[in-house]
Structures are given as structure tokens and as C-alpha cells.
Amino acid sequence: MLRPGGFASNTLQWAETVRTRRTVAAPFGDVALPVIDPADIAAAAAVTLLDSGHGGRAYDLTGPVPISPRQQVADIGAALGEPIRFVELSRAEAKAGMVQFMPEPIVETTLNILGTPKPVERQVSPDVERLLGRTPRPFAEWVARNAAAFM
């Protein structure tokens, strides 16, 4: 079983406002979580499916370091070669936007993880490195590969 945390690709939800206004609005700007590059999830899945010895095991998949939304926005700006403005939303403002496309209990759980994560949710797991024999890719590498989505 693979248990990835937050995906680097979740920041694609910011692509339109980055393209049109060079701005990102998000809650909890300084709360850092170890987001993972989906390519690392795919590579870990391939290893567990193709190599023996993984039956009945569970792996927590994270990125190499916790990174905050504010830091992610700075990395997007660096990839684009210009600054992107970060606007911090209150929990209530974030909830108002999220309930438009998610059930309220899911919104509450998501906001709790993003705003007041448990220590285990902030922790970098060694499982990606164990499976792949290398450290997970940093967010900046993911955004460099996907910069066109934000242009």
C-alpha cells in the first residue's frame, strides 16, 4: 500500500491566478508539509509492483522537506523568473471557496491538516529513498518541469 501525502501537483489549482494576476491566494501560508512529486509516487509504485518482497507492506510517501505555500509560491516565481504575490486567506475565506466543490466534512478535515497538521503529517518519511535509492525530488524540481502550466 502506498500512502502519499500532499501532492506537488495540487498547486496546479493556482495556475490560472498565477497566469492572469501573478498572485496566489491560500490559507496557512507558513505551515510547511512535505509534498511529493507525483513522478516519485509513480516510480515507487513501479518498484513495489515489479520487485518482489513488497506484499503486505505499507509505505508513506513524502517529499524531501516540508515546504509552506508561501515557499511554493516563491519557487513558482523563481521558475517563471518573476515574483508571484502571495495573499494569505483566513480559514473562513478558504472554507467558503472550498465548499463550492467539496463536501463540508472533507473541507474541514483538509483545513485541519493544512492548518494544524499532526507531527506525523509534517514528518518526512524515509520510504521514497528506501524504495528508489535516492532522495525524493524537491518541489522546485517539480515546478521547473511544469512551469508552462503557470505561464
N, C-alpha and C. Protein backbone atom coordinates (compact mmCIF):
# COMPACT_ATOMS: atom_id res chain seq x y z
N MET A 1 0.84 -1.16 0.00
CA MET A 1 0.00 0.00 0.00
C MET A 1 0.89 1.24 0.00
N LEU A 2 0.58 2.15 -0.89
CA LEU A 2 1.30 3.42 -0.95
C LEU A 2 0.42 4.50 -0.34
N ARG A 3 0.99 5.29 0.58
CA ARG A 3 0.24 6.35 1.24
C ARG A 3 0.95 7.68 1.02
N PRO A 4 0.70 8.30 -0.14
CA PRO A 4 1.33 9.60 -0.38
C PRO A 4 0.62 10.70 0.41
N GLY A 5 1.39 11.69 0.81
CA GLY A 5 0.82 12.87 1.46
C GLY A 5 0.36 13.86 0.40
N GLY A 6 0.55 15.14 0.66
CA GLY A 6 0.16 16.17 -0.31
C GLY A 6 0.98 16.07 -1.58
N PHE A 7 0.32 16.30 -2.69
CA PHE A 7 0.98 16.21 -4.00
C PHE A 7 1.48 17.60 -4.42
N ALA A 8 2.68 17.67 -4.98
CA ALA A 8 3.17 18.93 -5.54
C ALA A 8 2.20 19.45 -6.61
N SER A 9 1.61 18.55 -7.35
CA SER A 9 0.70 18.94 -8.43
C SER A 9 -0.59 19.59 -7.94
N ASN A 10 -0.88 19.53 -6.63
CA ASN A 10 -2.05 20.25 -6.13
C ASN A 10 -1.93 21.75 -6.36
N THR A 11 -0.71 22.23 -6.52
CA THR A 11 -0.53 23.67 -6.76
C THR A 11 -0.99 24.08 -8.16
N LEU A 12 -1.30 23.13 -9.01
CA LEU A 12 -1.87 23.48 -10.31
C LEU A 12 -3.21 24.22 -10.16
N GLN A 13 -3.84 24.09 -8.99
CA GLN A 13 -5.07 24.84 -8.75
C GLN A 13 -4.79 26.35 -8.73
N TRP A 14 -3.54 26.75 -8.56
CA TRP A 14 -3.17 28.15 -8.57
C TRP A 14 -2.79 28.66 -9.97
N ALA A 15 -2.72 27.78 -10.94
CA ALA A 15 -2.16 28.14 -12.25
C ALA A 15 -2.88 29.32 -12.90
N GLU A 16 -4.20 29.33 -12.86
CA GLU A 16 -4.93 30.41 -13.54
C GLU A 16 -4.62 31.77 -12.93
N THR A 17 -4.63 31.86 -11.59
CA THR A 17 -4.35 33.17 -10.99
C THR A 17 -2.89 33.57 -11.12
N VAL A 18 -2.00 32.59 -11.20
CA VAL A 18 -0.61 32.92 -11.46
C VAL A 18 -0.48 33.47 -12.88
N ARG A 19 -1.12 32.81 -13.83
CA ARG A 19 -1.06 33.27 -15.23
C ARG A 19 -1.69 34.64 -15.40
N THR A 20 -2.85 34.85 -14.81
CA THR A 20 -3.62 36.07 -15.10
C THR A 20 -3.32 37.24 -14.18
N ARG A 21 -2.90 36.96 -12.93
CA ARG A 21 -2.69 38.06 -11.96
C ARG A 21 -1.36 38.00 -11.23
N ARG A 22 -0.56 36.96 -11.51
CA ARG A 22 0.71 36.76 -10.80
C ARG A 22 0.50 36.79 -9.29
N THR A 23 -0.59 36.13 -8.88
CA THR A 23 -0.99 36.09 -7.47
C THR A 23 -1.49 34.70 -7.11
N VAL A 24 -1.23 34.29 -5.88
CA VAL A 24 -1.80 33.07 -5.30
C VAL A 24 -2.44 33.45 -3.98
N ALA A 25 -3.66 32.99 -3.77
CA ALA A 25 -4.36 33.17 -2.50
C ALA A 25 -4.56 31.79 -1.88
N ALA A 26 -4.07 31.61 -0.67
CA ALA A 26 -4.16 30.31 0.01
C ALA A 26 -4.10 30.54 1.52
N PRO A 27 -4.65 29.60 2.28
CA PRO A 27 -4.57 29.72 3.74
C PRO A 27 -3.25 29.16 4.27
N PHE A 28 -2.96 29.48 5.51
CA PHE A 28 -1.85 28.87 6.26
C PHE A 28 -0.52 28.99 5.52
N GLY A 29 -0.18 30.20 5.13
CA GLY A 29 0.98 30.46 4.29
C GLY A 29 2.30 29.95 4.80
N ASP A 30 2.43 29.81 6.12
CA ASP A 30 3.72 29.41 6.67
C ASP A 30 3.73 28.03 7.30
N VAL A 31 2.66 27.26 7.08
CA VAL A 31 2.61 25.88 7.59
C VAL A 31 3.21 24.96 6.52
N ALA A 32 4.30 24.31 6.87
CA ALA A 32 5.04 23.50 5.90
C ALA A 32 4.71 22.02 6.03
N LEU A 33 4.47 21.40 4.88
CA LEU A 33 4.23 19.95 4.78
C LEU A 33 5.13 19.38 3.68
N PRO A 34 5.54 18.13 3.79
CA PRO A 34 6.45 17.55 2.79
C PRO A 34 5.70 17.01 1.55
N VAL A 35 5.34 17.91 0.64
CA VAL A 35 4.62 17.49 -0.56
C VAL A 35 5.50 16.65 -1.46
N ILE A 36 4.87 15.75 -2.19
CA ILE A 36 5.62 14.80 -3.01
C ILE A 36 5.34 15.03 -4.50
N ASP A 37 6.36 14.84 -5.28
CA ASP A 37 6.27 14.90 -6.74
C ASP A 37 5.52 13.65 -7.21
N PRO A 38 4.46 13.81 -7.99
CA PRO A 38 3.75 12.62 -8.49
C PRO A 38 4.64 11.64 -9.25
N ALA A 39 5.71 12.14 -9.86
CA ALA A 39 6.64 11.23 -10.55
C ALA A 39 7.31 10.28 -9.55
N ASP A 40 7.53 10.73 -8.34
CA ASP A 40 8.09 9.85 -7.31
C ASP A 40 7.07 8.82 -6.86
N ILE A 41 5.81 9.21 -6.83
CA ILE A 41 4.75 8.24 -6.49
C ILE A 41 4.72 7.14 -7.56
N ALA A 42 4.76 7.56 -8.81
CA ALA A 42 4.74 6.59 -9.92
C ALA A 42 5.96 5.67 -9.86
N ALA A 43 7.12 6.24 -9.58
CA ALA A 43 8.33 5.42 -9.51
C ALA A 43 8.25 4.43 -8.35
N ALA A 44 7.73 4.89 -7.22
CA ALA A 44 7.57 3.99 -6.07
C ALA A 44 6.57 2.89 -6.39
N ALA A 45 5.50 3.23 -7.08
CA ALA A 45 4.51 2.22 -7.47
C ALA A 45 5.14 1.17 -8.38
N ALA A 46 5.93 1.62 -9.34
CA ALA A 46 6.59 0.68 -10.25
C ALA A 46 7.49 -0.28 -9.48
N VAL A 47 8.25 0.25 -8.55
CA VAL A 47 9.15 -0.62 -7.76
C VAL A 47 8.35 -1.65 -6.99
N THR A 48 7.29 -1.20 -6.33
CA THR A 48 6.53 -2.14 -5.50
C THR A 48 5.77 -3.17 -6.33
N LEU A 49 5.41 -2.81 -7.55
CA LEU A 49 4.70 -3.76 -8.41
C LEU A 49 5.64 -4.72 -9.13
N LEU A 50 6.83 -4.25 -9.47
CA LEU A 50 7.73 -5.05 -10.28
C LEU A 50 8.76 -5.85 -9.48
N ASP A 51 9.06 -5.40 -8.28
CA ASP A 51 10.04 -6.10 -7.45
C ASP A 51 9.31 -6.95 -6.41
N SER A 52 9.89 -8.04 -6.05
CA SER A 52 9.27 -8.91 -5.04
C SER A 52 9.54 -8.36 -3.64
N GLY A 53 8.78 -8.86 -2.69
CA GLY A 53 9.03 -8.52 -1.30
C GLY A 53 8.22 -7.36 -0.77
N HIS A 54 7.28 -6.85 -1.54
CA HIS A 54 6.51 -5.70 -1.07
C HIS A 54 5.08 -6.07 -0.66
N GLY A 55 4.71 -7.32 -0.84
CA GLY A 55 3.37 -7.75 -0.49
C GLY A 55 3.08 -7.53 0.98
N GLY A 56 1.92 -6.96 1.28
CA GLY A 56 1.50 -6.74 2.66
C GLY A 56 2.19 -5.58 3.35
N ARG A 57 2.99 -4.83 2.65
CA ARG A 57 3.70 -3.70 3.25
C ARG A 57 3.00 -2.40 2.93
N ALA A 58 3.24 -1.41 3.75
CA ALA A 58 2.70 -0.06 3.54
C ALA A 58 3.86 0.93 3.55
N TYR A 59 3.81 1.89 2.64
CA TYR A 59 4.86 2.89 2.52
C TYR A 59 4.24 4.29 2.56
N ASP A 60 4.79 5.14 3.42
CA ASP A 60 4.40 6.54 3.47
C ASP A 60 5.30 7.30 2.51
N LEU A 61 4.70 8.00 1.59
CA LEU A 61 5.46 8.70 0.56
C LEU A 61 5.36 10.21 0.78
N THR A 62 6.52 10.85 0.94
CA THR A 62 6.57 12.30 1.11
C THR A 62 7.69 12.86 0.26
N GLY A 63 7.68 14.17 0.17
CA GLY A 63 8.79 14.87 -0.45
C GLY A 63 9.98 14.91 0.51
N PRO A 64 11.07 15.57 0.09
CA PRO A 64 12.30 15.55 0.87
C PRO A 64 12.31 16.48 2.07
N VAL A 65 11.52 17.54 2.02
CA VAL A 65 11.48 18.51 3.13
C VAL A 65 10.09 19.12 3.18
N PRO A 66 9.66 19.53 4.37
CA PRO A 66 8.40 20.29 4.44
C PRO A 66 8.56 21.64 3.73
N ILE A 67 7.53 22.05 3.02
CA ILE A 67 7.54 23.32 2.31
C ILE A 67 6.18 23.99 2.49
N SER A 68 6.21 25.28 2.77
CA SER A 68 4.98 26.03 3.02
C SER A 68 4.40 26.54 1.69
N PRO A 69 3.12 26.89 1.69
CA PRO A 69 2.54 27.51 0.49
C PRO A 69 3.32 28.76 0.06
N ARG A 70 3.72 29.58 1.03
CA ARG A 70 4.48 30.79 0.69
C ARG A 70 5.79 30.42 -0.03
N GLN A 71 6.46 29.37 0.45
CA GLN A 71 7.70 28.90 -0.19
C GLN A 71 7.42 28.31 -1.57
N GLN A 72 6.29 27.61 -1.70
CA GLN A 72 5.92 27.05 -3.00
C GLN A 72 5.71 28.18 -4.01
N VAL A 73 5.03 29.23 -3.59
CA VAL A 73 4.80 30.37 -4.48
C VAL A 73 6.12 31.02 -4.87
N ALA A 74 7.05 31.13 -3.94
CA ALA A 74 8.37 31.67 -4.27
C ALA A 74 9.08 30.80 -5.29
N ASP A 75 8.96 29.47 -5.16
CA ASP A 75 9.56 28.56 -6.14
C ASP A 75 8.90 28.69 -7.51
N ILE A 76 7.60 28.89 -7.53
CA ILE A 76 6.91 29.11 -8.82
C ILE A 76 7.44 30.39 -9.46
N GLY A 77 7.55 31.44 -8.67
CA GLY A 77 8.09 32.70 -9.19
C GLY A 77 9.51 32.54 -9.72
N ALA A 78 10.33 31.79 -9.00
CA ALA A 78 11.71 31.55 -9.46
C ALA A 78 11.72 30.81 -10.78
N ALA A 79 10.83 29.82 -10.93
CA ALA A 79 10.77 29.07 -12.19
C ALA A 79 10.31 29.95 -13.34
N LEU A 80 9.46 30.93 -13.03
CA LEU A 80 8.96 31.84 -14.06
C LEU A 80 9.87 33.05 -14.28
N GLY A 81 10.79 33.27 -13.36
CA GLY A 81 11.69 34.41 -13.49
C GLY A 81 11.09 35.72 -13.07
N GLU A 82 10.03 35.68 -12.28
CA GLU A 82 9.43 36.90 -11.76
C GLU A 82 8.65 36.59 -10.47
N PRO A 83 8.53 37.58 -9.61
CA PRO A 83 7.86 37.31 -8.33
C PRO A 83 6.35 37.08 -8.51
N ILE A 84 5.84 36.22 -7.65
CA ILE A 84 4.41 35.95 -7.58
C ILE A 84 3.96 36.41 -6.19
N ARG A 85 2.89 37.16 -6.14
CA ARG A 85 2.39 37.69 -4.87
C ARG A 85 1.60 36.61 -4.14
N PHE A 86 1.85 36.47 -2.84
CA PHE A 86 1.11 35.53 -2.01
C PHE A 86 0.14 36.31 -1.13
N VAL A 87 -1.14 35.92 -1.18
CA VAL A 87 -2.18 36.53 -0.35
C VAL A 87 -2.70 35.44 0.58
N GLU A 88 -2.54 35.65 1.88
CA GLU A 88 -2.97 34.64 2.84
C GLU A 88 -4.47 34.77 3.11
N LEU A 89 -5.19 33.68 2.87
CA LEU A 89 -6.62 33.61 3.17
C LEU A 89 -6.82 33.19 4.62
N SER A 90 -7.88 33.69 5.23
CA SER A 90 -8.26 33.17 6.54
C SER A 90 -8.86 31.78 6.35
N ARG A 91 -8.98 31.06 7.43
CA ARG A 91 -9.61 29.73 7.36
C ARG A 91 -11.03 29.87 6.80
N ALA A 92 -11.77 30.86 7.26
CA ALA A 92 -13.15 31.06 6.79
C ALA A 92 -13.19 31.37 5.30
N GLU A 93 -12.28 32.19 4.81
CA GLU A 93 -12.24 32.51 3.38
C GLU A 93 -11.90 31.26 2.57
N ALA A 94 -10.95 30.49 3.04
CA ALA A 94 -10.59 29.26 2.34
C ALA A 94 -11.76 28.29 2.32
N LYS A 95 -12.43 28.14 3.45
CA LYS A 95 -13.58 27.23 3.54
C LYS A 95 -14.68 27.65 2.57
N ALA A 96 -14.96 28.95 2.51
CA ALA A 96 -16.01 29.44 1.61
C ALA A 96 -15.73 29.06 0.16
N GLY A 97 -14.49 29.10 -0.24
CA GLY A 97 -14.15 28.70 -1.60
C GLY A 97 -14.18 27.20 -1.81
N MET A 98 -13.72 26.46 -0.82
CA MET A 98 -13.61 25.01 -0.97
C MET A 98 -14.96 24.30 -0.94
N VAL A 99 -15.91 24.81 -0.17
CA VAL A 99 -17.22 24.13 -0.09
C VAL A 99 -17.99 24.21 -1.40
N GLN A 100 -17.51 25.01 -2.32
CA GLN A 100 -18.15 25.08 -3.64
C GLN A 100 -17.90 23.83 -4.47
N PHE A 101 -16.85 23.07 -4.12
CA PHE A 101 -16.55 21.87 -4.91
C PHE A 101 -16.20 20.64 -4.06
N MET A 102 -16.32 20.76 -2.72
CA MET A 102 -16.04 19.64 -1.82
C MET A 102 -17.09 19.60 -0.72
N PRO A 103 -17.45 18.41 -0.25
CA PRO A 103 -18.37 18.33 0.90
C PRO A 103 -17.74 18.96 2.14
N GLU A 104 -18.55 19.60 2.95
CA GLU A 104 -18.04 20.32 4.12
C GLU A 104 -17.18 19.47 5.05
N PRO A 105 -17.55 18.21 5.35
CA PRO A 105 -16.67 17.42 6.23
C PRO A 105 -15.27 17.22 5.65
N ILE A 106 -15.18 17.08 4.35
CA ILE A 106 -13.88 16.93 3.69
C ILE A 106 -13.11 18.25 3.77
N VAL A 107 -13.81 19.36 3.58
CA VAL A 107 -13.18 20.68 3.69
C VAL A 107 -12.60 20.86 5.08
N GLU A 108 -13.37 20.54 6.11
CA GLU A 108 -12.90 20.70 7.49
C GLU A 108 -11.67 19.85 7.75
N THR A 109 -11.70 18.60 7.31
CA THR A 109 -10.55 17.72 7.50
C THR A 109 -9.33 18.26 6.76
N THR A 110 -9.52 18.70 5.53
CA THR A 110 -8.42 19.24 4.73
C THR A 110 -7.84 20.48 5.39
N LEU A 111 -8.69 21.37 5.85
CA LEU A 111 -8.20 22.59 6.50
C LEU A 111 -7.48 22.27 7.81
N ASN A 112 -7.94 21.26 8.52
CA ASN A 112 -7.24 20.86 9.75
C ASN A 112 -5.83 20.35 9.44
N ILE A 113 -5.72 19.54 8.40
CA ILE A 113 -4.40 19.02 8.01
C ILE A 113 -3.49 20.16 7.55
N LEU A 114 -4.03 21.06 6.74
CA LEU A 114 -3.23 22.16 6.21
C LEU A 114 -2.86 23.19 7.27
N GLY A 115 -3.77 23.43 8.21
CA GLY A 115 -3.55 24.49 9.18
C GLY A 115 -2.93 24.06 10.48
N THR A 116 -3.31 22.88 10.94
CA THR A 116 -2.78 22.37 12.21
C THR A 116 -2.42 20.89 12.05
N PRO A 117 -1.46 20.63 11.18
CA PRO A 117 -1.10 19.22 10.93
C PRO A 117 -0.52 18.57 12.18
N LYS A 118 -0.77 17.28 12.28
CA LYS A 118 -0.18 16.48 13.35
C LYS A 118 1.31 16.32 13.05
N PRO A 119 2.12 16.07 14.07
CA PRO A 119 3.56 15.89 13.83
C PRO A 119 3.86 14.84 12.74
N VAL A 120 3.11 13.77 12.71
CA VAL A 120 3.34 12.73 11.71
C VAL A 120 3.06 13.25 10.29
N GLU A 121 2.14 14.19 10.15
CA GLU A 121 1.82 14.76 8.83
C GLU A 121 2.90 15.73 8.36
N ARG A 122 3.69 16.24 9.27
CA ARG A 122 4.80 17.14 8.93
C ARG A 122 6.10 16.38 8.68
N GLN A 123 6.12 15.13 9.09
CA GLN A 123 7.35 14.33 9.08
C GLN A 123 7.70 13.86 7.67
N VAL A 124 8.98 13.92 7.36
CA VAL A 124 9.49 13.37 6.10
C VAL A 124 9.71 11.88 6.31
N SER A 125 9.13 11.09 5.43
CA SER A 125 9.28 9.63 5.51
C SER A 125 10.53 9.19 4.74
N PRO A 126 11.20 8.18 5.23
CA PRO A 126 12.35 7.64 4.50
C PRO A 126 11.96 6.65 3.41
N ASP A 127 10.66 6.37 3.25
CA ASP A 127 10.24 5.29 2.36
C ASP A 127 10.55 5.54 0.88
N VAL A 128 10.43 6.78 0.39
CA VAL A 128 10.75 7.02 -1.02
C VAL A 128 12.22 6.71 -1.27
N GLU A 129 13.08 7.18 -0.39
CA GLU A 129 14.51 6.92 -0.57
C GLU A 129 14.82 5.43 -0.47
N ARG A 130 14.16 4.74 0.43
CA ARG A 130 14.37 3.29 0.56
C ARG A 130 13.94 2.56 -0.71
N LEU A 131 12.82 2.97 -1.27
CA LEU A 131 12.30 2.30 -2.47
C LEU A 131 13.09 2.66 -3.72
N LEU A 132 13.47 3.92 -3.86
CA LEU A 132 14.08 4.39 -5.11
C LEU A 132 15.60 4.49 -5.06
N GLY A 133 16.17 4.43 -3.87
CA GLY A 133 17.62 4.55 -3.76
C GLY A 133 18.12 5.96 -3.99
N ARG A 134 17.25 6.93 -3.85
CA ARG A 134 17.61 8.35 -3.99
C ARG A 134 16.61 9.17 -3.19
N THR A 135 16.98 10.40 -2.92
CA THR A 135 16.05 11.26 -2.20
C THR A 135 14.88 11.65 -3.10
N PRO A 136 13.73 11.93 -2.51
CA PRO A 136 12.60 12.41 -3.32
C PRO A 136 12.95 13.73 -3.99
N ARG A 137 12.29 13.99 -5.09
CA ARG A 137 12.52 15.24 -5.81
C ARG A 137 11.93 16.42 -5.02
N PRO A 138 12.63 17.53 -4.96
CA PRO A 138 12.10 18.71 -4.28
C PRO A 138 11.01 19.40 -5.10
N PHE A 139 10.20 20.19 -4.42
CA PHE A 139 9.12 20.91 -5.09
C PHE A 139 9.66 21.77 -6.23
N ALA A 140 10.78 22.44 -6.02
CA ALA A 140 11.33 23.31 -7.06
C ALA A 140 11.60 22.55 -8.36
N GLU A 141 11.99 21.30 -8.25
CA GLU A 141 12.24 20.49 -9.45
C GLU A 141 10.91 20.19 -10.16
N TRP A 142 9.87 19.85 -9.38
CA TRP A 142 8.55 19.61 -9.98
C TRP A 142 8.08 20.86 -10.71
N VAL A 143 8.17 22.00 -10.06
CA VAL A 143 7.65 23.22 -10.66
C VAL A 143 8.47 23.61 -11.90
N ALA A 144 9.76 23.37 -11.89
CA ALA A 144 10.58 23.66 -13.08
C ALA A 144 10.11 22.83 -14.27
N ARG A 145 9.76 21.55 -14.02
CA ARG A 145 9.26 20.70 -15.10
C ARG A 145 7.87 21.11 -15.57
N ASN A 146 7.13 21.78 -14.70
CA ASN A 146 5.73 22.12 -15.01
C ASN A 146 5.48 23.62 -15.11
N ALA A 147 6.53 24.39 -15.27
CA ALA A 147 6.41 25.85 -15.30
C ALA A 147 5.45 26.34 -16.39
N ALA A 148 5.37 25.64 -17.50
CA ALA A 148 4.48 26.08 -18.59
C ALA A 148 3.04 26.21 -18.14
N ALA A 149 2.62 25.42 -17.17
CA ALA A 149 1.24 25.49 -16.68
C ALA A 149 0.96 26.82 -16.00
N PHE A 150 2.00 27.49 -15.52
CA PHE A 150 1.85 28.75 -14.79
C PHE A 150 2.15 29.98 -15.64
N MET A 151 2.56 29.77 -16.89
CA MET A 151 2.95 30.91 -17.76
C MET A 151 1.75 31.58 -18.39
